[in-house]
Amino acid sequence: VSQLQGFYELEGTVGTGAAGGRIAG
């Protein structure tokens, strides 16, 4: 669960840039 928290918090973006993008699916 602790390891998953980071994925759940970042699931809406991808990439390191500010613009980012949506995680597909």
mmCIF file of all heavy atoms, coordinates in Angstrom:
data_MODEL
# 
_entry.id   MODEL 
# 
loop_
_atom_site.group_PDB 
_atom_site.id 
_atom_site.type_symbol 
_atom_site.label_atom_id 
_atom_site.label_alt_id 
_atom_site.label_comp_id 
_atom_site.label_asym_id 
_atom_site.label_entity_id 
_atom_site.label_seq_id 
_atom_site.pdbx_PDB_ins_code 
_atom_site.Cartn_x 
_atom_site.Cartn_y 
_atom_site.Cartn_z 
_atom_site.occupancy 
_atom_site.B_iso_or_equiv 
_atom_site.pdbx_formal_charge 
_atom_site.auth_seq_id 
_atom_site.auth_comp_id 
_atom_site.auth_asym_id 
_atom_site.auth_atom_id 
_atom_site.pdbx_PDB_model_num 
ATOM 1   N N   . VAL A 1 1  ? 0.845  -1.203 0.000   1.00 0.00 ? 1  VAL A N   1 
ATOM 2   C CA  . VAL A 1 1  ? 0.000  0.000  0.000   1.00 0.00 ? 1  VAL A CA  1 
ATOM 3   C C   . VAL A 1 1  ? 0.878  1.251  0.000   1.00 0.00 ? 1  VAL A C   1 
ATOM 4   O O   . VAL A 1 1  ? 0.609  2.216  -0.721  1.00 0.00 ? 1  VAL A O   1 
ATOM 5   C CB  . VAL A 1 1  ? -0.941 0.004  1.221   1.00 0.00 ? 1  VAL A CB  1 
ATOM 6   C CG1 . VAL A 1 1  ? -1.610 1.370  1.392   1.00 0.00 ? 1  VAL A CG1 1 
ATOM 7   C CG2 . VAL A 1 1  ? -2.003 -1.076 1.070   1.00 0.00 ? 1  VAL A CG2 1 
ATOM 8   N N   . SER A 1 2  ? 1.949  1.223  0.785   1.00 0.00 ? 2  SER A N   1 
ATOM 9   C CA  . SER A 1 2  ? 2.881  2.357  0.834   1.00 0.00 ? 2  SER A CA  1 
ATOM 10  C C   . SER A 1 2  ? 3.518  2.599  -0.525  1.00 0.00 ? 2  SER A C   1 
ATOM 11  O O   . SER A 1 2  ? 3.649  3.752  -0.976  1.00 0.00 ? 2  SER A O   1 
ATOM 12  C CB  . SER A 1 2  ? 3.955  2.083  1.890   1.00 0.00 ? 2  SER A CB  1 
ATOM 13  O OG  . SER A 1 2  ? 4.890  3.131  1.929   1.00 0.00 ? 2  SER A OG  1 
ATOM 14  N N   . GLN A 1 3  ? 3.879  1.529  -1.212  1.00 0.00 ? 3  GLN A N   1 
ATOM 15  C CA  . GLN A 1 3  ? 4.483  1.665  -2.541  1.00 0.00 ? 3  GLN A CA  1 
ATOM 16  C C   . GLN A 1 3  ? 3.477  2.164  -3.567  1.00 0.00 ? 3  GLN A C   1 
ATOM 17  O O   . GLN A 1 3  ? 3.836  2.868  -4.506  1.00 0.00 ? 3  GLN A O   1 
ATOM 18  C CB  . GLN A 1 3  ? 5.066  0.314  -2.977  1.00 0.00 ? 3  GLN A CB  1 
ATOM 19  C CG  . GLN A 1 3  ? 6.292  -0.100 -2.175  1.00 0.00 ? 3  GLN A CG  1 
ATOM 20  C CD  . GLN A 1 3  ? 6.687  -1.546 -2.403  1.00 0.00 ? 3  GLN A CD  1 
ATOM 21  O OE1 . GLN A 1 3  ? 5.848  -2.446 -2.400  1.00 0.00 ? 3  GLN A OE1 1 
ATOM 22  N NE2 . GLN A 1 3  ? 7.975  -1.780 -2.605  1.00 0.00 ? 3  GLN A NE2 1 
ATOM 23  N N   . LEU A 1 4  ? 2.214  1.801  -3.378  1.00 0.00 ? 4  LEU A N   1 
ATOM 24  C CA  . LEU A 1 4  ? 1.182  2.205  -4.330  1.00 0.00 ? 4  LEU A CA  1 
ATOM 25  C C   . LEU A 1 4  ? 0.785  3.671  -4.199  1.00 0.00 ? 4  LEU A C   1 
ATOM 26  O O   . LEU A 1 4  ? 0.268  4.253  -5.168  1.00 0.00 ? 4  LEU A O   1 
ATOM 27  C CB  . LEU A 1 4  ? -0.063 1.329  -4.138  1.00 0.00 ? 4  LEU A CB  1 
ATOM 28  C CG  . LEU A 1 4  ? -0.002 -0.064 -4.768  1.00 0.00 ? 4  LEU A CG  1 
ATOM 29  C CD1 . LEU A 1 4  ? -1.107 -0.949 -4.213  1.00 0.00 ? 4  LEU A CD1 1 
ATOM 30  C CD2 . LEU A 1 4  ? -0.109 0.036  -6.286  1.00 0.00 ? 4  LEU A CD2 1 
ATOM 31  N N   . GLN A 1 5  ? 0.987  4.257  -3.040  1.00 0.00 ? 5  GLN A N   1 
ATOM 32  C CA  . GLN A 1 5  ? 0.552  5.638  -2.829  1.00 0.00 ? 5  GLN A CA  1 
ATOM 33  C C   . GLN A 1 5  ? 1.114  6.584  -3.875  1.00 0.00 ? 5  GLN A C   1 
ATOM 34  O O   . GLN A 1 5  ? 0.413  7.451  -4.397  1.00 0.00 ? 5  GLN A O   1 
ATOM 35  C CB  . GLN A 1 5  ? 0.933  6.111  -1.419  1.00 0.00 ? 5  GLN A CB  1 
ATOM 36  C CG  . GLN A 1 5  ? 0.147  5.447  -0.301  1.00 0.00 ? 5  GLN A CG  1 
ATOM 37  C CD  . GLN A 1 5  ? -1.350 5.541  -0.503  1.00 0.00 ? 5  GLN A CD  1 
ATOM 38  O OE1 . GLN A 1 5  ? -1.893 6.604  -0.778  1.00 0.00 ? 5  GLN A OE1 1 
ATOM 39  N NE2 . GLN A 1 5  ? -2.033 4.416  -0.375  1.00 0.00 ? 5  GLN A NE2 1 
ATOM 40  N N   . GLY A 1 6  ? 2.402  6.424  -4.192  1.00 0.00 ? 6  GLY A N   1 
ATOM 41  C CA  . GLY A 1 6  ? 3.022  7.285  -5.195  1.00 0.00 ? 6  GLY A CA  1 
ATOM 42  C C   . GLY A 1 6  ? 2.386  7.131  -6.565  1.00 0.00 ? 6  GLY A C   1 
ATOM 43  O O   . GLY A 1 6  ? 2.187  8.118  -7.291  1.00 0.00 ? 6  GLY A O   1 
ATOM 44  N N   . PHE A 1 7  ? 2.037  5.905  -6.927  1.00 0.00 ? 7  PHE A N   1 
ATOM 45  C CA  . PHE A 1 7  ? 1.385  5.669  -8.217  1.00 0.00 ? 7  PHE A CA  1 
ATOM 46  C C   . PHE A 1 7  ? -0.001 6.307  -8.239  1.00 0.00 ? 7  PHE A C   1 
ATOM 47  O O   . PHE A 1 7  ? -0.401 6.915  -9.237  1.00 0.00 ? 7  PHE A O   1 
ATOM 48  C CB  . PHE A 1 7  ? 1.272  4.166  -8.481  1.00 0.00 ? 7  PHE A CB  1 
ATOM 49  C CG  . PHE A 1 7  ? 2.572  3.501  -8.830  1.00 0.00 ? 7  PHE A CG  1 
ATOM 50  C CD1 . PHE A 1 7  ? 3.351  2.911  -7.849  1.00 0.00 ? 7  PHE A CD1 1 
ATOM 51  C CD2 . PHE A 1 7  ? 3.031  3.490  -10.143 1.00 0.00 ? 7  PHE A CD2 1 
ATOM 52  C CE1 . PHE A 1 7  ? 4.558  2.303  -8.167  1.00 0.00 ? 7  PHE A CE1 1 
ATOM 53  C CE2 . PHE A 1 7  ? 4.237  2.887  -10.471 1.00 0.00 ? 7  PHE A CE2 1 
ATOM 54  C CZ  . PHE A 1 7  ? 5.008  2.299  -9.484  1.00 0.00 ? 7  PHE A CZ  1 
ATOM 55  N N   . TYR A 1 8  ? -0.734 6.177  -7.140  1.00 0.00 ? 8  TYR A N   1 
ATOM 56  C CA  . TYR A 1 8  ? -2.082 6.742  -7.096  1.00 0.00 ? 8  TYR A CA  1 
ATOM 57  C C   . TYR A 1 8  ? -2.051 8.269  -7.137  1.00 0.00 ? 8  TYR A C   1 
ATOM 58  O O   . TYR A 1 8  ? -2.929 8.901  -7.723  1.00 0.00 ? 8  TYR A O   1 
ATOM 59  C CB  . TYR A 1 8  ? -2.809 6.259  -5.833  1.00 0.00 ? 8  TYR A CB  1 
ATOM 60  C CG  . TYR A 1 8  ? -3.130 4.776  -5.842  1.00 0.00 ? 8  TYR A CG  1 
ATOM 61  C CD1 . TYR A 1 8  ? -3.351 4.081  -4.661  1.00 0.00 ? 8  TYR A CD1 1 
ATOM 62  C CD2 . TYR A 1 8  ? -3.212 4.065  -7.036  1.00 0.00 ? 8  TYR A CD2 1 
ATOM 63  C CE1 . TYR A 1 8  ? -3.649 2.730  -4.661  1.00 0.00 ? 8  TYR A CE1 1 
ATOM 64  C CE2 . TYR A 1 8  ? -3.497 2.709  -7.048  1.00 0.00 ? 8  TYR A CE2 1 
ATOM 65  C CZ  . TYR A 1 8  ? -3.717 2.037  -5.863  1.00 0.00 ? 8  TYR A CZ  1 
ATOM 66  O OH  . TYR A 1 8  ? -4.008 0.701  -5.863  1.00 0.00 ? 8  TYR A OH  1 
ATOM 67  N N   . GLU A 1 9  ? -1.050 8.851  -6.520  1.00 0.00 ? 9  GLU A N   1 
ATOM 68  C CA  . GLU A 1 9  ? -0.954 10.309 -6.503  1.00 0.00 ? 9  GLU A CA  1 
ATOM 69  C C   . GLU A 1 9  ? -0.547 10.871 -7.862  1.00 0.00 ? 9  GLU A C   1 
ATOM 70  O O   . GLU A 1 9  ? -0.918 11.989 -8.223  1.00 0.00 ? 9  GLU A O   1 
ATOM 71  C CB  . GLU A 1 9  ? 0.059  10.751 -5.445  1.00 0.00 ? 9  GLU A CB  1 
ATOM 72  C CG  . GLU A 1 9  ? -0.434 10.539 -4.011  1.00 0.00 ? 9  GLU A CG  1 
ATOM 73  C CD  . GLU A 1 9  ? 0.663  10.759 -2.986  1.00 0.00 ? 9  GLU A CD  1 
ATOM 74  O OE1 . GLU A 1 9  ? 1.778  11.152 -3.399  1.00 0.00 ? 9  GLU A OE1 1 
ATOM 75  O OE2 . GLU A 1 9  ? 0.415  10.523 -1.786  1.00 0.00 ? 9  GLU A OE2 1 
ATOM 76  N N   . LEU A 1 10 ? 0.225  10.104 -8.634  1.00 0.00 ? 10 LEU A N   1 
ATOM 77  C CA  . LEU A 1 10 ? 0.743  10.582 -9.920  1.00 0.00 ? 10 LEU A CA  1 
ATOM 78  C C   . LEU A 1 10 ? 0.024  9.999  -11.123 1.00 0.00 ? 10 LEU A C   1 
ATOM 79  O O   . LEU A 1 10 ? 0.437  10.238 -12.254 1.00 0.00 ? 10 LEU A O   1 
ATOM 80  C CB  . LEU A 1 10 ? 2.246  10.249 -10.034 1.00 0.00 ? 10 LEU A CB  1 
ATOM 81  C CG  . LEU A 1 10 ? 3.162  10.885 -8.992  1.00 0.00 ? 10 LEU A CG  1 
ATOM 82  C CD1 . LEU A 1 10 ? 4.594  10.359 -9.152  1.00 0.00 ? 10 LEU A CD1 1 
ATOM 83  C CD2 . LEU A 1 10 ? 3.154  12.405 -9.115  1.00 0.00 ? 10 LEU A CD2 1 
ATOM 84  N N   . GLU A 1 11 ? -1.050 9.253  -10.877 1.00 0.00 ? 11 GLU A N   1 
ATOM 85  C CA  . GLU A 1 11 ? -1.681 8.544  -11.985 1.00 0.00 ? 11 GLU A CA  1 
ATOM 86  C C   . GLU A 1 11 ? -2.275 9.456  -13.041 1.00 0.00 ? 11 GLU A C   1 
ATOM 87  O O   . GLU A 1 11 ? -2.499 9.038  -14.177 1.00 0.00 ? 11 GLU A O   1 
ATOM 88  C CB  . GLU A 1 11 ? -2.769 7.610  -11.457 1.00 0.00 ? 11 GLU A CB  1 
ATOM 89  C CG  . GLU A 1 11 ? -3.943 8.324  -10.810 1.00 0.00 ? 11 GLU A CG  1 
ATOM 90  C CD  . GLU A 1 11 ? -4.968 7.353  -10.223 1.00 0.00 ? 11 GLU A CD  1 
ATOM 91  O OE1 . GLU A 1 11 ? -4.879 6.156  -10.550 1.00 0.00 ? 11 GLU A OE1 1 
ATOM 92  O OE2 . GLU A 1 11 ? -5.821 7.789  -9.456  1.00 0.00 ? 11 GLU A OE2 1 
ATOM 93  N N   . GLY A 1 12 ? -2.507 10.722 -12.721 1.00 0.00 ? 12 GLY A N   1 
ATOM 94  C CA  . GLY A 1 12 ? -3.112 11.623 -13.693 1.00 0.00 ? 12 GLY A CA  1 
ATOM 95  C C   . GLY A 1 12 ? -2.134 12.283 -14.641 1.00 0.00 ? 12 GLY A C   1 
ATOM 96  O O   . GLY A 1 12 ? -2.549 12.969 -15.568 1.00 0.00 ? 12 GLY A O   1 
ATOM 97  N N   . THR A 1 13 ? -0.845 12.116 -14.418 1.00 0.00 ? 13 THR A N   1 
ATOM 98  C CA  . THR A 1 13 ? 0.140  12.776 -15.274 1.00 0.00 ? 13 THR A CA  1 
ATOM 99  C C   . THR A 1 13 ? 1.247  11.820 -15.650 1.00 0.00 ? 13 THR A C   1 
ATOM 100 O O   . THR A 1 13 ? 1.455  10.790 -15.027 1.00 0.00 ? 13 THR A O   1 
ATOM 101 C CB  . THR A 1 13 ? 0.770  13.980 -14.545 1.00 0.00 ? 13 THR A CB  1 
ATOM 102 O OG1 . THR A 1 13 ? 1.426  13.512 -13.370 1.00 0.00 ? 13 THR A OG1 1 
ATOM 103 C CG2 . THR A 1 13 ? -0.285 15.012 -14.177 1.00 0.00 ? 13 THR A CG2 1 
ATOM 104 N N   . VAL A 1 14 ? 1.984  12.165 -16.692 1.00 0.00 ? 14 VAL A N   1 
ATOM 105 C CA  . VAL A 1 14 ? 3.127  11.369 -17.129 1.00 0.00 ? 14 VAL A CA  1 
ATOM 106 C C   . VAL A 1 14 ? 4.202  12.298 -17.636 1.00 0.00 ? 14 VAL A C   1 
ATOM 107 O O   . VAL A 1 14 ? 3.910  13.375 -18.143 1.00 0.00 ? 14 VAL A O   1 
ATOM 108 C CB  . VAL A 1 14 ? 2.728  10.354 -18.228 1.00 0.00 ? 14 VAL A CB  1 
ATOM 109 C CG1 . VAL A 1 14 ? 2.292  11.058 -19.497 1.00 0.00 ? 14 VAL A CG1 1 
ATOM 110 C CG2 . VAL A 1 14 ? 3.881  9.412  -18.529 1.00 0.00 ? 14 VAL A CG2 1 
ATOM 111 N N   . GLY A 1 15 ? 5.459  11.912 -17.471 1.00 0.00 ? 15 GLY A N   1 
ATOM 112 C CA  . GLY A 1 15 ? 6.547  12.774 -17.926 1.00 0.00 ? 15 GLY A CA  1 
ATOM 113 C C   . GLY A 1 15 ? 7.016  13.699 -16.821 1.00 0.00 ? 15 GLY A C   1 
ATOM 114 O O   . GLY A 1 15 ? 6.352  13.888 -15.821 1.00 0.00 ? 15 GLY A O   1 
ATOM 115 N N   . THR A 1 16 ? 8.161  14.286 -16.972 1.00 0.00 ? 16 THR A N   1 
ATOM 116 C CA  . THR A 1 16 ? 8.729  15.147 -15.937 1.00 0.00 ? 16 THR A CA  1 
ATOM 117 C C   . THR A 1 16 ? 8.441  16.618 -16.191 1.00 0.00 ? 16 THR A C   1 
ATOM 118 O O   . THR A 1 16 ? 8.658  17.447 -15.322 1.00 0.00 ? 16 THR A O   1 
ATOM 119 C CB  . THR A 1 16 ? 10.250 14.949 -15.879 1.00 0.00 ? 16 THR A CB  1 
ATOM 120 O OG1 . THR A 1 16 ? 10.798 15.169 -17.183 1.00 0.00 ? 16 THR A OG1 1 
ATOM 121 C CG2 . THR A 1 16 ? 10.576 13.516 -15.488 1.00 0.00 ? 16 THR A CG2 1 
ATOM 122 N N   . GLY A 1 17 ? 7.952  16.931 -17.354 1.00 0.00 ? 17 GLY A N   1 
ATOM 123 C CA  . GLY A 1 17 ? 7.674  18.340 -17.651 1.00 0.00 ? 17 GLY A CA  1 
ATOM 124 C C   . GLY A 1 17 ? 6.405  18.801 -16.998 1.00 0.00 ? 17 GLY A C   1 
ATOM 125 O O   . GLY A 1 17 ? 5.551  18.007 -16.619 1.00 0.00 ? 17 GLY A O   1 
ATOM 126 N N   . ALA A 1 18 ? 6.264  20.106 -16.891 1.00 0.00 ? 18 ALA A N   1 
ATOM 127 C CA  . ALA A 1 18 ? 5.077  20.666 -16.236 1.00 0.00 ? 18 ALA A CA  1 
ATOM 128 C C   . ALA A 1 18 ? 3.826  20.366 -17.031 1.00 0.00 ? 18 ALA A C   1 
ATOM 129 O O   . ALA A 1 18 ? 2.744  20.200 -16.492 1.00 0.00 ? 18 ALA A O   1 
ATOM 130 C CB  . ALA A 1 18 ? 5.238  22.177 -16.064 1.00 0.00 ? 18 ALA A CB  1 
ATOM 131 N N   . ALA A 1 19 ? 3.976  20.298 -18.402 1.00 0.00 ? 19 ALA A N   1 
ATOM 132 C CA  . ALA A 1 19 ? 2.815  20.061 -19.238 1.00 0.00 ? 19 ALA A CA  1 
ATOM 133 C C   . ALA A 1 19 ? 2.286  18.651 -19.026 1.00 0.00 ? 19 ALA A C   1 
ATOM 134 O O   . ALA A 1 19 ? 1.095  18.413 -18.880 1.00 0.00 ? 19 ALA A O   1 
ATOM 135 C CB  . ALA A 1 19 ? 3.163  20.254 -20.711 1.00 0.00 ? 19 ALA A CB  1 
ATOM 136 N N   . GLY A 1 20 ? 3.229  17.704 -18.997 1.00 0.00 ? 20 GLY A N   1 
ATOM 137 C CA  . GLY A 1 20 ? 2.854  16.323 -18.724 1.00 0.00 ? 20 GLY A CA  1 
ATOM 138 C C   . GLY A 1 20 ? 1.824  15.804 -19.694 1.00 0.00 ? 20 GLY A C   1 
ATOM 139 O O   . GLY A 1 20 ? 1.729  16.211 -20.831 1.00 0.00 ? 20 GLY A O   1 
ATOM 140 N N   . GLY A 1 21 ? 1.025  14.877 -19.261 1.00 0.00 ? 21 GLY A N   1 
ATOM 141 C CA  . GLY A 1 21 ? -0.003 14.293 -20.106 1.00 0.00 ? 21 GLY A CA  1 
ATOM 142 C C   . GLY A 1 21 ? -0.794 13.291 -19.303 1.00 0.00 ? 21 GLY A C   1 
ATOM 143 O O   . GLY A 1 21 ? -0.407 12.905 -18.217 1.00 0.00 ? 21 GLY A O   1 
ATOM 144 N N   . ARG A 1 22 ? -1.903 12.853 -19.845 1.00 0.00 ? 22 ARG A N   1 
ATOM 145 C CA  . ARG A 1 22 ? -2.742 11.891 -19.137 1.00 0.00 ? 22 ARG A CA  1 
ATOM 146 C C   . ARG A 1 22 ? -2.163 10.488 -19.255 1.00 0.00 ? 22 ARG A C   1 
ATOM 147 O O   . ARG A 1 22 ? -1.663 10.107 -20.306 1.00 0.00 ? 22 ARG A O   1 
ATOM 148 C CB  . ARG A 1 22 ? -4.154 11.887 -19.730 1.00 0.00 ? 22 ARG A CB  1 
ATOM 149 C CG  . ARG A 1 22 ? -4.962 13.137 -19.440 1.00 0.00 ? 22 ARG A CG  1 
ATOM 150 C CD  . ARG A 1 22 ? -5.299 13.293 -18.006 1.00 0.00 ? 22 ARG A CD  1 
ATOM 151 N NE  . ARG A 1 22 ? -6.140 12.221 -17.495 1.00 0.00 ? 22 ARG A NE  1 
ATOM 152 C CZ  . ARG A 1 22 ? -6.458 12.103 -16.230 1.00 0.00 ? 22 ARG A CZ  1 
ATOM 153 N NH1 . ARG A 1 22 ? -5.982 12.939 -15.333 1.00 0.00 ? 22 ARG A NH1 1 
ATOM 154 N NH2 . ARG A 1 22 ? -7.232 11.115 -15.832 1.00 0.00 ? 22 ARG A NH2 1 
ATOM 155 N N   . ILE A 1 23 ? -2.228 9.742  -18.170 1.00 0.00 ? 23 ILE A N   1 
ATOM 156 C CA  . ILE A 1 23 ? -1.830 8.350  -18.240 1.00 0.00 ? 23 ILE A CA  1 
ATOM 157 C C   . ILE A 1 23 ? -2.876 7.606  -19.065 1.00 0.00 ? 23 ILE A C   1 
ATOM 158 O O   . ILE A 1 23 ? -4.061 7.660  -18.761 1.00 0.00 ? 23 ILE A O   1 
ATOM 159 C CB  . ILE A 1 23 ? -1.774 7.720  -16.830 1.00 0.00 ? 23 ILE A CB  1 
ATOM 160 C CG1 . ILE A 1 23 ? -0.595 8.291  -16.055 1.00 0.00 ? 23 ILE A CG1 1 
ATOM 161 C CG2 . ILE A 1 23 ? -1.665 6.204  -16.897 1.00 0.00 ? 23 ILE A CG2 1 
ATOM 162 C CD1 . ILE A 1 23 ? 0.744  7.796  -16.493 1.00 0.00 ? 23 ILE A CD1 1 
ATOM 163 N N   . ALA A 1 24 ? -2.430 6.934  -20.113 1.00 0.00 ? 24 ALA A N   1 
ATOM 164 C CA  . ALA A 1 24 ? -3.365 6.203  -20.953 1.00 0.00 ? 24 ALA A CA  1 
ATOM 165 C C   . ALA A 1 24 ? -4.072 5.143  -20.117 1.00 0.00 ? 24 ALA A C   1 
ATOM 166 O O   . ALA A 1 24 ? -3.444 4.324  -19.462 1.00 0.00 ? 24 ALA A O   1 
ATOM 167 C CB  . ALA A 1 24 ? -2.615 5.539  -22.110 1.00 0.00 ? 24 ALA A CB  1 
ATOM 168 N N   . GLY A 1 25 ? -5.404 5.149  -20.168 1.00 0.00 ? 25 GLY A N   1 
ATOM 169 C CA  . GLY A 1 25 ? -6.166 4.149  -19.408 1.00 0.00 ? 25 GLY A CA  1 
ATOM 170 C C   . GLY A 1 25 ? -6.091 4.343  -17.911 1.00 0.00 ? 25 GLY A C   1 
ATOM 171 O O   . GLY A 1 25 ? -6.177 3.375  -17.157 1.00 0.00 ? 25 GLY A O   1 
# 
